[in-house]
Amino acid sequence: MSIRLLPLLASLGLAAVAAAPAAMADTLLMQRTEKEASVALPNRGMSMSQVESRYGTPRNKLDPRGGNKPQHPVINRWEYDNFIVYFERSHVIDAVVKRVDANELGPKPVH
């Protein structure tokens, strides 16, 4: 008799998990950036002047880093409202979407 109840109990348990409210789920940074894929970010290789003409003046041009040795080129960072652009010398090497808030799960900042 208990063998017959086992599949029924398992089905009820799965139904309860599936019915859990979606509001309790965490949003991962990569899930949000997939949703924001429609946001056009600067492409690798674009020049600083191309980025500025297409996206406007950045909110903040952060102090350059590196450049003290040939193997350590100057890295510039420009901050826009929704993303940060990283330049090696004067060309884009990456653009990263910002976090919505500090509680969002995602990669930890490098210090």
PDB file of N, CA and C in Angstrom:
ATOM      1  N   MET A   1       0.814  -1.194   0.000  1.00  0.00           N
ATOM      2  CA  MET A   1       0.000   0.000   0.000  1.00  0.00           C
ATOM      3  C   MET A   1       0.861   1.262   0.000  1.00  0.00           C
ATOM      4  N   SER A   2       1.951   1.273   0.778  1.00  0.00           N
ATOM      5  CA  SER A   2       2.809   2.452   0.818  1.00  0.00           C
ATOM      6  C   SER A   2       3.543   2.652  -0.507  1.00  0.00           C
ATOM      7  N   ILE A   3       3.719   1.586  -1.281  1.00  0.00           N
ATOM      8  CA  ILE A   3       4.370   1.706  -2.582  1.00  0.00           C
ATOM      9  C   ILE A   3       3.486   2.486  -3.542  1.00  0.00           C
ATOM     10  N   ARG A   4       2.173   2.362  -3.422  1.00  0.00           N
ATOM     11  CA  ARG A   4       1.249   3.111  -4.271  1.00  0.00           C
ATOM     12  C   ARG A   4       1.235   4.592  -3.908  1.00  0.00           C
ATOM     13  N   LEU A   5       1.445   4.912  -2.658  1.00  0.00           N
ATOM     14  CA  LEU A   5       1.412   6.306  -2.217  1.00  0.00           C
ATOM     15  C   LEU A   5       2.674   7.070  -2.602  1.00  0.00           C
ATOM     16  N   LEU A   6       3.776   6.383  -2.759  1.00  0.00           N
ATOM     17  CA  LEU A   6       5.042   7.046  -3.051  1.00  0.00           C
ATOM     18  C   LEU A   6       4.992   7.883  -4.330  1.00  0.00           C
ATOM     19  N   PRO A   7       4.502   7.361  -5.474  1.00  0.00           N
ATOM     20  CA  PRO A   7       4.424   8.203  -6.671  1.00  0.00           C
ATOM     21  C   PRO A   7       3.481   9.392  -6.485  1.00  0.00           C
ATOM     22  N   LEU A   8       2.392   9.192  -5.749  1.00  0.00           N
ATOM     23  CA  LEU A   8       1.450  10.274  -5.501  1.00  0.00           C
ATOM     24  C   LEU A   8       2.100  11.372  -4.669  1.00  0.00           C
ATOM     25  N   LEU A   9       2.815  10.995  -3.624  1.00  0.00           N
ATOM     26  CA  LEU A   9       3.498  11.984  -2.790  1.00  0.00           C
ATOM     27  C   LEU A   9       4.587  12.717  -3.573  1.00  0.00           C
ATOM     28  N   ALA A  10       5.305  11.996  -4.413  1.00  0.00           N
ATOM     29  CA  ALA A  10       6.342  12.625  -5.233  1.00  0.00           C
ATOM     30  C   ALA A  10       5.726  13.634  -6.192  1.00  0.00           C
ATOM     31  N   SER A  11       4.591  13.289  -6.789  1.00  0.00           N
ATOM     32  CA  SER A  11       3.909  14.205  -7.706  1.00  0.00           C
ATOM     33  C   SER A  11       3.429  15.450  -6.985  1.00  0.00           C
ATOM     34  N   LEU A  12       2.880  15.274  -5.792  1.00  0.00           N
ATOM     35  CA  LEU A  12       2.418  16.421  -5.009  1.00  0.00           C
ATOM     36  C   LEU A  12       3.584  17.325  -4.617  1.00  0.00           C
ATOM     37  N   GLY A  13       4.711  16.726  -4.277  1.00  0.00           N
ATOM     38  CA  GLY A  13       5.893  17.521  -3.920  1.00  0.00           C
ATOM     39  C   GLY A  13       6.396  18.345  -5.091  1.00  0.00           C
ATOM     40  N   LEU A  14       6.440  17.745  -6.276  1.00  0.00           N
ATOM     41  CA  LEU A  14       6.869  18.480  -7.465  1.00  0.00           C
ATOM     42  C   LEU A  14       5.893  19.591  -7.817  1.00  0.00           C
ATOM     43  N   ALA A  15       4.605  19.329  -7.653  1.00  0.00           N
ATOM     44  CA  ALA A  15       3.598  20.350  -7.936  1.00  0.00           C
ATOM     45  C   ALA A  15       3.744  21.529  -6.984  1.00  0.00           C
ATOM     46  N   ALA A  16       4.056  21.261  -5.730  1.00  0.00           N
ATOM     47  CA  ALA A  16       4.227  22.337  -4.754  1.00  0.00           C
ATOM     48  C   ALA A  16       5.441  23.196  -5.094  1.00  0.00           C
ATOM     49  N   VAL A  17       6.520  22.568  -5.529  1.00  0.00           N
ATOM     50  CA  VAL A  17       7.720  23.326  -5.904  1.00  0.00           C
ATOM     51  C   VAL A  17       7.441  24.168  -7.144  1.00  0.00           C
ATOM     52  N   ALA A  18       6.730  23.606  -8.109  1.00  0.00           N
ATOM     53  CA  ALA A  18       6.426  24.331  -9.339  1.00  0.00           C
ATOM     54  C   ALA A  18       5.484  25.498  -9.091  1.00  0.00           C
ATOM     55  N   ALA A  19       4.660  25.403  -8.069  1.00  0.00           N
ATOM     56  CA  ALA A  19       3.695  26.456  -7.779  1.00  0.00           C
ATOM     57  C   ALA A  19       4.277  27.566  -6.915  1.00  0.00           C
ATOM     58  N   ALA A  20       5.541  27.473  -6.516  1.00  0.00           N
ATOM     59  CA  ALA A  20       6.162  28.508  -5.677  1.00  0.00           C
ATOM     60  C   ALA A  20       6.158  29.830  -6.428  1.00  0.00           C
ATOM     61  N   PRO A  21       5.935  30.921  -5.730  1.00  0.00           N
ATOM     62  CA  PRO A  21       5.866  32.219  -6.408  1.00  0.00           C
ATOM     63  C   PRO A  21       7.199  32.599  -7.045  1.00  0.00           C
ATOM     64  N   ALA A  22       7.124  33.172  -8.228  1.00  0.00           N
ATOM     65  CA  ALA A  22       8.324  33.578  -8.957  1.00  0.00           C
ATOM     66  C   ALA A  22       8.999  34.773  -8.307  1.00  0.00           C
ATOM     67  N   ALA A  23       8.288  35.516  -7.480  1.00  0.00           N
ATOM     68  CA  ALA A  23       8.850  36.704  -6.842  1.00  0.00           C
ATOM     69  C   ALA A  23       9.993  36.362  -5.908  1.00  0.00           C
ATOM     70  N   MET A  24      10.078  35.125  -5.467  1.00  0.00           N
ATOM     71  CA  MET A  24      11.122  34.737  -4.541  1.00  0.00           C
ATOM     72  C   MET A  24      12.413  34.358  -5.264  1.00  0.00           C
ATOM     73  N   ALA A  25      12.395  34.288  -6.576  1.00  0.00           N
ATOM     74  CA  ALA A  25      13.580  33.885  -7.325  1.00  0.00           C
ATOM     75  C   ALA A  25      14.559  35.045  -7.432  1.00  0.00           C
ATOM     76  N   ASP A  26      15.849  34.727  -7.391  1.00  0.00           N
ATOM     77  CA  ASP A  26      16.884  35.731  -7.575  1.00  0.00           C
ATOM     78  C   ASP A  26      17.081  35.981  -9.063  1.00  0.00           C
ATOM     79  N   THR A  27      17.460  37.194  -9.410  1.00  0.00           N
ATOM     80  CA  THR A  27      17.811  37.516 -10.783  1.00  0.00           C
ATOM     81  C   THR A  27      19.320  37.602 -10.863  1.00  0.00           C
ATOM     82  N   LEU A  28      19.905  36.740 -11.652  1.00  0.00           N
ATOM     83  CA  LEU A  28      21.346  36.769 -11.830  1.00  0.00           C
ATOM     84  C   LEU A  28      21.725  37.857 -12.819  1.00  0.00           C
ATOM     85  N   LEU A  29      22.919  38.388 -12.676  1.00  0.00           N
ATOM     86  CA  LEU A  29      23.398  39.433 -13.567  1.00  0.00           C
ATOM     87  C   LEU A  29      23.368  38.977 -15.014  1.00  0.00           C
ATOM     88  N   MET A  30      23.777  37.722 -15.276  1.00  0.00           N
ATOM     89  CA  MET A  30      23.801  37.260 -16.661  1.00  0.00           C
ATOM     90  C   MET A  30      22.399  37.134 -17.241  1.00  0.00           C
ATOM     91  N   GLN A  31      21.381  36.834 -16.406  1.00  0.00           N
ATOM     92  CA  GLN A  31      20.010  36.778 -16.905  1.00  0.00           C
ATOM     93  C   GLN A  31      19.542  38.174 -17.298  1.00  0.00           C
ATOM     94  N   ARG A  32      19.892  39.176 -16.489  1.00  0.00           N
ATOM     95  CA  ARG A  32      19.472  40.538 -16.799  1.00  0.00           C
ATOM     96  C   ARG A  32      20.175  41.037 -18.052  1.00  0.00           C
ATOM     97  N   THR A  33      21.452  40.729 -18.202  1.00  0.00           N
ATOM     98  CA  THR A  33      22.161  41.202 -19.386  1.00  0.00           C
ATOM     99  C   THR A  33      21.660  40.515 -20.647  1.00  0.00           C
ATOM    100  N   GLU A  34      21.176  39.273 -20.526  1.00  0.00           N
ATOM    101  CA  GLU A  34      20.569  38.622 -21.684  1.00  0.00           C
ATOM    102  C   GLU A  34      19.295  39.357 -22.082  1.00  0.00           C
ATOM    103  N   LYS A  35      18.526  39.811 -21.090  1.00  0.00           N
ATOM    104  CA  LYS A  35      17.316  40.576 -21.384  1.00  0.00           C
ATOM    105  C   LYS A  35      17.668  41.916 -22.012  1.00  0.00           C
ATOM    106  N   GLU A  36      18.797  42.491 -21.588  1.00  0.00           N
ATOM    107  CA  GLU A  36      19.210  43.792 -22.093  1.00  0.00           C
ATOM    108  C   GLU A  36      20.110  43.672 -23.316  1.00  0.00           C
ATOM    109  N   ALA A  37      20.089  42.525 -23.972  1.00  0.00           N
ATOM    110  CA  ALA A  37      20.936  42.331 -25.149  1.00  0.00           C
ATOM    111  C   ALA A  37      20.589  43.316 -26.252  1.00  0.00           C
ATOM    112  N   SER A  38      19.376  43.879 -26.195  1.00  0.00           N
ATOM    113  CA  SER A  38      18.979  44.858 -27.196  1.00  0.00           C
ATOM    114  C   SER A  38      19.717  46.182 -27.005  1.00  0.00           C
ATOM    115  N   VAL A  39      20.318  46.399 -25.829  1.00  0.00           N
ATOM    116  CA  VAL A  39      21.106  47.600 -25.592  1.00  0.00           C
ATOM    117  C   VAL A  39      22.395  47.461 -26.390  1.00  0.00           C
ATOM    118  N   ALA A  40      22.615  48.380 -27.305  1.00  0.00           N
ATOM    119  CA  ALA A  40      23.808  48.309 -28.145  1.00  0.00           C
ATOM    120  C   ALA A  40      25.009  48.839 -27.377  1.00  0.00           C
ATOM    121  N   LEU A  41      25.994  47.983 -27.188  1.00  0.00           N
ATOM    122  CA  LEU A  41      27.230  48.375 -26.520  1.00  0.00           C
ATOM    123  C   LEU A  41      28.299  48.640 -27.573  1.00  0.00           C
ATOM    124  N   PRO A  42      29.290  49.458 -27.237  1.00  0.00           N
ATOM    125  CA  PRO A  42      30.395  49.669 -28.179  1.00  0.00           C
ATOM    126  C   PRO A  42      31.090  48.346 -28.508  1.00  0.00           C
ATOM    127  N   ASN A  43      31.497  48.209 -29.745  1.00  0.00           N
ATOM    128  CA  ASN A  43      32.159  46.989 -30.203  1.00  0.00           C
ATOM    129  C   ASN A  43      33.664  47.077 -30.010  1.00  0.00           C
ATOM    130  N   ARG A  44      34.262  45.920 -29.805  1.00  0.00           N
ATOM    131  CA  ARG A  44      35.724  45.833 -29.688  1.00  0.00           C
ATOM    132  C   ARG A  44      36.361  46.441 -30.942  1.00  0.00           C
ATOM    133  N   GLY A  45      37.381  47.258 -30.724  1.00  0.00           N
ATOM    134  CA  GLY A  45      38.101  47.861 -31.840  1.00  0.00           C
ATOM    135  C   GLY A  45      37.655  49.268 -32.201  1.00  0.00           C
ATOM    136  N   MET A  46      36.484  49.699 -31.707  1.00  0.00           N
ATOM    137  CA  MET A  46      36.042  51.067 -31.990  1.00  0.00           C
ATOM    138  C   MET A  46      37.005  52.056 -31.336  1.00  0.00           C
ATOM    139  N   SER A  47      37.200  53.198 -31.988  1.00  0.00           N
ATOM    140  CA  SER A  47      38.071  54.225 -31.422  1.00  0.00           C
ATOM    141  C   SER A  47      37.289  55.061 -30.405  1.00  0.00           C
ATOM    142  N   MET A  48      38.017  55.818 -29.600  1.00  0.00           N
ATOM    143  CA  MET A  48      37.375  56.694 -28.614  1.00  0.00           C
ATOM    144  C   MET A  48      36.455  57.695 -29.305  1.00  0.00           C
ATOM    145  N   SER A  49      36.902  58.249 -30.427  1.00  0.00           N
ATOM    146  CA  SER A  49      36.069  59.234 -31.127  1.00  0.00           C
ATOM    147  C   SER A  49      34.807  58.593 -31.696  1.00  0.00           C
ATOM    148  N   GLN A  50      34.895  57.351 -32.168  1.00  0.00           N
ATOM    149  CA  GLN A  50      33.702  56.653 -32.662  1.00  0.00           C
ATOM    150  C   GLN A  50      32.714  56.400 -31.530  1.00  0.00           C
ATOM    151  N   VAL A  51      33.212  55.987 -30.368  1.00  0.00           N
ATOM    152  CA  VAL A  51      32.337  55.733 -29.215  1.00  0.00           C
ATOM    153  C   VAL A  51      31.656  57.025 -28.793  1.00  0.00           C
ATOM    154  N   GLU A  52      32.419  58.097 -28.706  1.00  0.00           N
ATOM    155  CA  GLU A  52      31.840  59.367 -28.256  1.00  0.00           C
ATOM    156  C   GLU A  52      30.839  59.917 -29.263  1.00  0.00           C
ATOM    157  N   SER A  53      31.087  59.737 -30.562  1.00  0.00           N
ATOM    158  CA  SER A  53      30.128  60.236 -31.552  1.00  0.00           C
ATOM    159  C   SER A  53      28.849  59.407 -31.564  1.00  0.00           C
ATOM    160  N   ARG A  54      28.947  58.094 -31.288  1.00  0.00           N
ATOM    161  CA  ARG A  54      27.764  57.238 -31.311  1.00  0.00           C
ATOM    162  C   ARG A  54      26.980  57.275 -29.999  1.00  0.00           C
ATOM    163  N   TYR A  55      27.669  57.318 -28.855  1.00  0.00           N
ATOM    164  CA  TYR A  55      27.004  57.205 -27.551  1.00  0.00           C
ATOM    165  C   TYR A  55      26.991  58.509 -26.768  1.00  0.00           C
ATOM    166  N   GLY A  56      27.625  59.540 -27.292  1.00  0.00           N
ATOM    167  CA  GLY A  56      27.646  60.825 -26.609  1.00  0.00           C
ATOM    168  C   GLY A  56      28.794  60.912 -25.610  1.00  0.00           C
ATOM    169  N   THR A  57      28.846  62.041 -24.945  1.00  0.00           N
ATOM    170  CA  THR A  57      29.888  62.262 -23.944  1.00  0.00           C
ATOM    171  C   THR A  57      29.623  61.372 -22.739  1.00  0.00           C
ATOM    172  N   PRO A  58      30.636  60.662 -22.250  1.00  0.00           N
ATOM    173  CA  PRO A  58      30.424  59.804 -21.077  1.00  0.00           C
ATOM    174  C   PRO A  58      30.136  60.627 -19.836  1.00  0.00           C
ATOM    175  N   ARG A  59      29.428  60.024 -18.898  1.00  0.00           N
ATOM    176  CA  ARG A  59      29.131  60.677 -17.629  1.00  0.00           C
ATOM    177  C   ARG A  59      30.429  60.987 -16.883  1.00  0.00           C
ATOM    178  N   ASN A  60      31.392  60.068 -17.002  1.00  0.00           N
ATOM    179  CA  ASN A  60      32.638  60.210 -16.266  1.00  0.00           C
ATOM    180  C   ASN A  60      33.751  59.518 -17.042  1.00  0.00           C
ATOM    181  N   LYS A  61      34.881  60.195 -17.175  1.00  0.00           N
ATOM    182  CA  LYS A  61      36.082  59.581 -17.742  1.00  0.00           C
ATOM    183  C   LYS A  61      37.013  59.319 -16.570  1.00  0.00           C
ATOM    184  N   LEU A  62      37.127  58.049 -16.202  1.00  0.00           N
ATOM    185  CA  LEU A  62      37.932  57.685 -15.039  1.00  0.00           C
ATOM    186  C   LEU A  62      39.420  57.813 -15.354  1.00  0.00           C
ATOM    187  N   ASP A  63      40.220  57.996 -14.318  1.00  0.00           N
ATOM    188  CA  ASP A  63      41.663  58.152 -14.495  1.00  0.00           C
ATOM    189  C   ASP A  63      42.254  56.932 -15.193  1.00  0.00           C
ATOM    190  N   PRO A  64      43.166  57.163 -16.156  1.00  0.00           N
ATOM    191  CA  PRO A  64      43.801  56.029 -16.839  1.00  0.00           C
ATOM    192  C   PRO A  64      44.689  55.232 -15.894  1.00  0.00           C
ATOM    193  N   ARG A  65      44.849  53.965 -16.205  1.00  0.00           N
ATOM    194  CA  ARG A  65      45.694  53.054 -15.420  1.00  0.00           C
ATOM    195  C   ARG A  65      46.734  52.438 -16.347  1.00  0.00           C
ATOM    196  N   GLY A  66      47.867  52.052 -15.780  1.00  0.00           N
ATOM    197  CA  GLY A  66      48.906  51.380 -16.549  1.00  0.00           C
ATOM    198  C   GLY A  66      49.732  52.359 -17.359  1.00  0.00           C
ATOM    199  N   GLY A  67      50.383  51.828 -18.395  1.00  0.00           N
ATOM    200  CA  GLY A  67      51.197  52.652 -19.271  1.00  0.00           C
ATOM    201  C   GLY A  67      52.619  52.850 -18.802  1.00  0.00           C
ATOM    202  N   ASN A  68      52.974  52.236 -17.674  1.00  0.00           N
ATOM    203  CA  ASN A  68      54.320  52.424 -17.146  1.00  0.00           C
ATOM    204  C   ASN A  68      55.358  51.542 -17.841  1.00  0.00           C
ATOM    205  N   LYS A  69      54.913  50.531 -18.590  1.00  0.00           N
ATOM    206  CA  LYS A  69      55.811  49.637 -19.330  1.00  0.00           C
ATOM    207  C   LYS A  69      55.134  49.280 -20.654  1.00  0.00           C
ATOM    208  N   PRO A  70      55.910  48.904 -21.659  1.00  0.00           N
ATOM    209  CA  PRO A  70      55.294  48.512 -22.936  1.00  0.00           C
ATOM    210  C   PRO A  70      54.313  47.343 -22.802  1.00  0.00           C
ATOM    211  N   GLN A  71      54.586  46.419 -21.887  1.00  0.00           N
ATOM    212  CA  GLN A  71      53.677  45.281 -21.708  1.00  0.00           C
ATOM    213  C   GLN A  71      52.464  45.628 -20.844  1.00  0.00           C
ATOM    214  N   HIS A  72      52.414  46.857 -20.318  1.00  0.00           N
ATOM    215  CA  HIS A  72      51.264  47.343 -19.541  1.00  0.00           C
ATOM    216  C   HIS A  72      50.708  48.593 -20.218  1.00  0.00           C
ATOM    217  N   PRO A  73      49.915  48.441 -21.282  1.00  0.00           N
ATOM    218  CA  PRO A  73      49.406  49.619 -21.997  1.00  0.00           C
ATOM    219  C   PRO A  73      48.426  50.418 -21.137  1.00  0.00           C
ATOM    220  N   VAL A  74      48.227  51.656 -21.520  1.00  0.00           N
ATOM    221  CA  VAL A  74      47.282  52.520 -20.815  1.00  0.00           C
ATOM    222  C   VAL A  74      45.870  51.979 -21.008  1.00  0.00           C
ATOM    223  N   ILE A  75      45.135  51.831 -19.903  1.00  0.00           N
ATOM    224  CA  ILE A  75      43.734  51.403 -19.925  1.00  0.00           C
ATOM    225  C   ILE A  75      42.882  52.584 -19.461  1.00  0.00           C
ATOM    226  N   ASN A  76      41.958  53.001 -20.316  1.00  0.00           N
ATOM    227  CA  ASN A  76      41.019  54.070 -19.982  1.00  0.00           C
ATOM    228  C   ASN A  76      39.645  53.467 -19.768  1.00  0.00           C
ATOM    229  N   ARG A  77      38.871  54.087 -18.870  1.00  0.00           N
ATOM    230  CA  ARG A  77      37.502  53.629 -18.594  1.00  0.00           C
ATOM    231  C   ARG A  77      36.569  54.821 -18.699  1.00  0.00           C
ATOM    232  N   TRP A  78      35.538  54.658 -19.487  1.00  0.00           N
ATOM    233  CA  TRP A  78      34.509  55.677 -19.618  1.00  0.00           C
ATOM    234  C   TRP A  78      33.217  55.120 -19.042  1.00  0.00           C
ATOM    235  N   GLU A  79      32.577  55.905 -18.196  1.00  0.00           N
ATOM    236  CA  GLU A  79      31.340  55.479 -17.539  1.00  0.00           C
ATOM    237  C   GLU A  79      30.137  56.169 -18.181  1.00  0.00           C
ATOM    238  N   TYR A  80      29.213  55.352 -18.670  1.00  0.00           N
ATOM    239  CA  TYR A  80      27.927  55.826 -19.184  1.00  0.00           C
ATOM    240  C   TYR A  80      26.844  55.414 -18.183  1.00  0.00           C
ATOM    241  N   ASP A  81      25.599  55.805 -18.415  1.00  0.00           N
ATOM    242  CA  ASP A  81      24.523  55.496 -17.464  1.00  0.00           C
ATOM    243  C   ASP A  81      24.360  54.002 -17.225  1.00  0.00           C
ATOM    244  N   ASN A  82      24.384  53.190 -18.277  1.00  0.00           N
ATOM    245  CA  ASN A  82      24.091  51.760 -18.147  1.00  0.00           C
ATOM    246  C   ASN A  82      25.286  50.842 -18.343  1.00  0.00           C
ATOM    247  N   PHE A  83      26.417  51.380 -18.749  1.00  0.00           N
ATOM    248  CA  PHE A  83      27.567  50.521 -19.024  1.00  0.00           C
ATOM    249  C   PHE A  83      28.876  51.286 -18.852  1.00  0.00           C
ATOM    250  N   ILE A  84      29.971  50.525 -18.800  1.00  0.00           N
ATOM    251  CA  ILE A  84      31.323  51.085 -18.741  1.00  0.00           C
ATOM    252  C   ILE A  84      32.097  50.537 -19.932  1.00  0.00           C
ATOM    253  N   VAL A  85      32.846  51.411 -20.593  1.00  0.00           N
ATOM    254  CA  VAL A  85      33.656  51.019 -21.741  1.00  0.00           C
ATOM    255  C   VAL A  85      35.124  51.032 -21.325  1.00  0.00           C
ATOM    256  N   TYR A  86      35.838  49.969 -21.675  1.00  0.00           N
ATOM    257  CA  TYR A  86      37.268  49.848 -21.376  1.00  0.00           C
ATOM    258  C   TYR A  86      38.053  49.984 -22.681  1.00  0.00           C
ATOM    259  N   PHE A  87      39.054  50.852 -22.661  1.00  0.00           N
ATOM    260  CA  PHE A  87      39.902  51.090 -23.824  1.00  0.00           C
ATOM    261  C   PHE A  87      41.337  50.671 -23.514  1.00  0.00           C
ATOM    262  N   GLU A  88      41.988  50.040 -24.472  1.00  0.00           N
ATOM    263  CA  GLU A  88      43.437  49.848 -24.409  1.00  0.00           C
ATOM    264  C   GLU A  88      44.014  50.890 -25.347  1.00  0.00           C
ATOM    265  N   ARG A  89      44.781  51.782 -24.776  1.00  0.00           N
ATOM    266  CA  ARG A  89      45.244  52.979 -25.475  1.00  0.00           C
ATOM    267  C   ARG A  89      44.014  53.756 -25.937  1.00  0.00           C
ATOM    268  N   SER A  90      43.641  53.705 -27.191  1.00  0.00           N
ATOM    269  CA  SER A  90      42.491  54.493 -27.648  1.00  0.00           C
ATOM    270  C   SER A  90      41.423  53.654 -28.338  1.00  0.00           C
ATOM    271  N   HIS A  91      41.460  52.315 -28.146  1.00  0.00           N
ATOM    272  CA  HIS A  91      40.481  51.444 -28.800  1.00  0.00           C
ATOM    273  C   HIS A  91      39.765  50.551 -27.784  1.00  0.00           C
ATOM    274  N   VAL A  92      38.484  50.299 -28.046  1.00  0.00           N
ATOM    275  CA  VAL A  92      37.649  49.502 -27.142  1.00  0.00           C
ATOM    276  C   VAL A  92      38.184  48.076 -27.053  1.00  0.00           C
ATOM    277  N   ILE A  93      38.318  47.603 -25.812  1.00  0.00           N
ATOM    278  CA  ILE A  93      38.626  46.185 -25.601  1.00  0.00           C
ATOM    279  C   ILE A  93      37.439  45.460 -24.971  1.00  0.00           C
ATOM    280  N   ASP A  94      36.540  46.213 -24.290  1.00  0.00           N
ATOM    281  CA  ASP A  94      35.362  45.588 -23.687  1.00  0.00           C
ATOM    282  C   ASP A  94      34.371  46.658 -23.258  1.00  0.00           C
ATOM    283  N   ALA A  95      33.114  46.278 -23.164  1.00  0.00           N
ATOM    284  CA  ALA A  95      32.051  47.120 -22.616  1.00  0.00           C
ATOM    285  C   ALA A  95      31.208  46.229 -21.710  1.00  0.00           C
ATOM    286  N   VAL A  96      30.898  46.721 -20.512  1.00  0.00           N
ATOM    287  CA  VAL A  96      30.235  45.908 -19.495  1.00  0.00           C
ATOM    288  C   VAL A  96      28.988  46.623 -18.992  1.00  0.00           C
ATOM    289  N   VAL A  97      27.860  45.901 -18.941  1.00  0.00           N
ATOM    290  CA  VAL A  97      26.611  46.442 -18.401  1.00  0.00           C
ATOM    291  C   VAL A  97      26.746  46.549 -16.890  1.00  0.00           C
ATOM    292  N   LYS A  98      26.296  47.676 -16.324  1.00  0.00           N
ATOM    293  CA  LYS A  98      26.380  47.889 -14.872  1.00  0.00           C
ATOM    294  C   LYS A  98      25.326  47.079 -14.141  1.00  0.00           C
ATOM    295  N   ARG A  99      25.544  46.887 -12.853  1.00  0.00           N
ATOM    296  CA  ARG A  99      24.546  46.258 -11.986  1.00  0.00           C
ATOM    297  C   ARG A  99      23.413  47.244 -11.730  1.00  0.00           C
ATOM    298  N   VAL A 100      22.217  46.699 -11.515  1.00  0.00           N
ATOM    299  CA  VAL A 100      21.077  47.538 -11.170  1.00  0.00           C
ATOM    300  C   VAL A 100      21.216  48.033  -9.737  1.00  0.00           C
ATOM    301  N   ASP A 101      21.574  47.129  -8.835  1.00  0.00           N
ATOM    302  CA  ASP A 101      21.786  47.507  -7.440  1.00  0.00           C
ATOM    303  C   ASP A 101      22.837  46.600  -6.813  1.00  0.00           C
ATOM    304  N   ALA A 102      23.249  46.945  -5.626  1.00  0.00           N
ATOM    305  CA  ALA A 102      24.324  46.205  -4.959  1.00  0.00           C
ATOM    306  C   ALA A 102      23.914  44.786  -4.580  1.00  0.00           C
ATOM    307  N   ASN A 103      22.615  44.500  -4.479  1.00  0.00           N
ATOM    308  CA  ASN A 103      22.145  43.170  -4.088  1.00  0.00           C
ATOM    309  C   ASN A 103      22.060  42.196  -5.253  1.00  0.00           C
ATOM    310  N   GLU A 104      22.245  42.680  -6.462  1.00  0.00           N
ATOM    311  CA  GLU A 104      22.153  41.813  -7.630  1.00  0.00           C
ATOM    312  C   GLU A 104      23.298  40.806  -7.613  1.00  0.00           C
ATOM    313  N   LEU A 105      22.994  39.563  -7.917  1.00  0.00           N
ATOM    314  CA  LEU A 105      24.009  38.518  -7.931  1.00  0.00           C
ATOM    315  C   LEU A 105      24.803  38.593  -9.223  1.00  0.00           C
ATOM    316  N   GLY A 106      26.080  38.482  -9.118  1.00  0.00           N
ATOM    317  CA  GLY A 106      26.918  38.542 -10.302  1.00  0.00           C
ATOM    318  C   GLY A 106      28.377  38.507  -9.915  1.00  0.00           C
ATOM    319  N   PRO A 107      29.251  38.784 -10.863  1.00  0.00           N
ATOM    320  CA  PRO A 107      30.674  38.740 -10.545  1.00  0.00           C
ATOM    321  C   PRO A 107      31.048  39.791  -9.520  1.00  0.00           C
ATOM    322  N   LYS A 108      31.979  39.443  -8.650  1.00  0.00           N
ATOM    323  CA  LYS A 108      32.435  40.388  -7.635  1.00  0.00           C
ATOM    324  C   LYS A 108      33.446  41.344  -8.258  1.00  0.00           C
ATOM    325  N   PRO A 109      33.419  42.620  -7.850  1.00  0.00           N
ATOM    326  CA  PRO A 109      34.388  43.569  -8.402  1.00  0.00           C
ATOM    327  C   PRO A 109      35.807  43.225  -7.968  1.00  0.00           C
ATOM    328  N   VAL A 110      36.758  43.538  -8.805  1.00  0.00           N
ATOM    329  CA  VAL A 110      38.167  43.304  -8.495  1.00  0.00           C
ATOM    330  C   VAL A 110      38.698  44.528  -7.768  1.00  0.00           C
ATOM    331  N   HIS A 111      39.388  44.300  -6.666  1.00  0.00           N
ATOM    332  CA  HIS A 111      39.959  45.430  -5.908  1.00  0.00           C
ATOM    333  C   HIS A 111      41.447  45.351  -5.917  1.00  0.00           C
TER     334      HIS A 111
END
